[in-house]
């Protein structure tokens, strides 16, 4: 078994740690199971997990195996994917059963299934008890053979488009803050495309959907067919000066400040969502960053929105709405996304480095089979 570990304070540093090579290396207590991780997606969203791991608690989900060298400095970045039961001391879990949910970048994971229903379970491991519930819940898939294509699309887009759905819902709930346009930064990112798709499907009156992206991604972003306008970052003069709500997927303070400055009083509200540009140390020093209107900006935390809506609507109704959104969004994504599979954690390092550095084609979806 291997674990792909990341340095907590410098996510460009990684190491592959041996943590047991066979089932006999793992001891299960009563109630526990061991799952083999089949496949997981790796996107800019996972880079965000690493970049803000200390602040939001992402390092706490999967304590890494020790290697004897500065172990407290290393962690496991969570990913979304599929796994199957290979050993069980839990009467509710049979060998071969498959799950979809939150996993480490590793070959195996010990879990403690609780609150088991025919549809789902919760990992009741003690160290996860205080973490957001949405990350501790797993979909039960039975023992049917996996469908690589469907599983790949689900691993890539369910978590991202789940956030997209929450953003669409929040914008509608807030009547778009009175805006005439929704301006989405890092518009070529998958969560941004999901948001644009969701807004484009609204059949009542809505603001225009405007995507901001790098010059090299303008043509691709236009091709997905969900934006009313696509503008490059070097052409902000083309941005209409009308009441606007911003959704920032980039976390690039210099770019965000330039957009705030361009809109001025027309910037009604800004949802800060992601960190596709996670290393903003230099961007923070850029004079444009000082133009960010912080009293009209707030971090958007999708798990909090999910928890509130599930309570207001009921979990079944909320899940049904999200499922409908995901089905449509994934069908739409099949028109533009290329899925690429890589076998083995030992071959993952170069891919990880490229995504962290931002060197990934916008239309590419990465699936790792550890």
Foldseek 3Di string as FASTA:
>chain_A
DWAWKAFLADRLDIDIDDDDDDPVSDDDDAQKFKKFFFKAWDALQLVQCSLCCVVQPQQQPDQDDDDPPPSVRMGFRKTWAKIFTCGDNRPVHDGQKMKTAIDTRDGMDMFRWDPDDQFKTFGVPPSCPPHQRRRRIITTDGNDDDDVVVRLLCNFPLVLLLVLVLVLVVCVVCVVLPWQEEEEEQCLARSNLSNLQVQQPDPDDDHFYEYEEAPVCQVLSVVLPRHPYYYYLVPLVPPDQAQYEYEYAAPQLLSQLQNLVSNPPSHSAYEYEHHLPSPNPVSCVDPSSVNHPVVRYDYDDSSVSLVVVCVVVNVVVSVVVSVVSSVVSSVSLVVQADEDEDEDPVPCSVVSSCSSVSNDDSRYIYMYGD
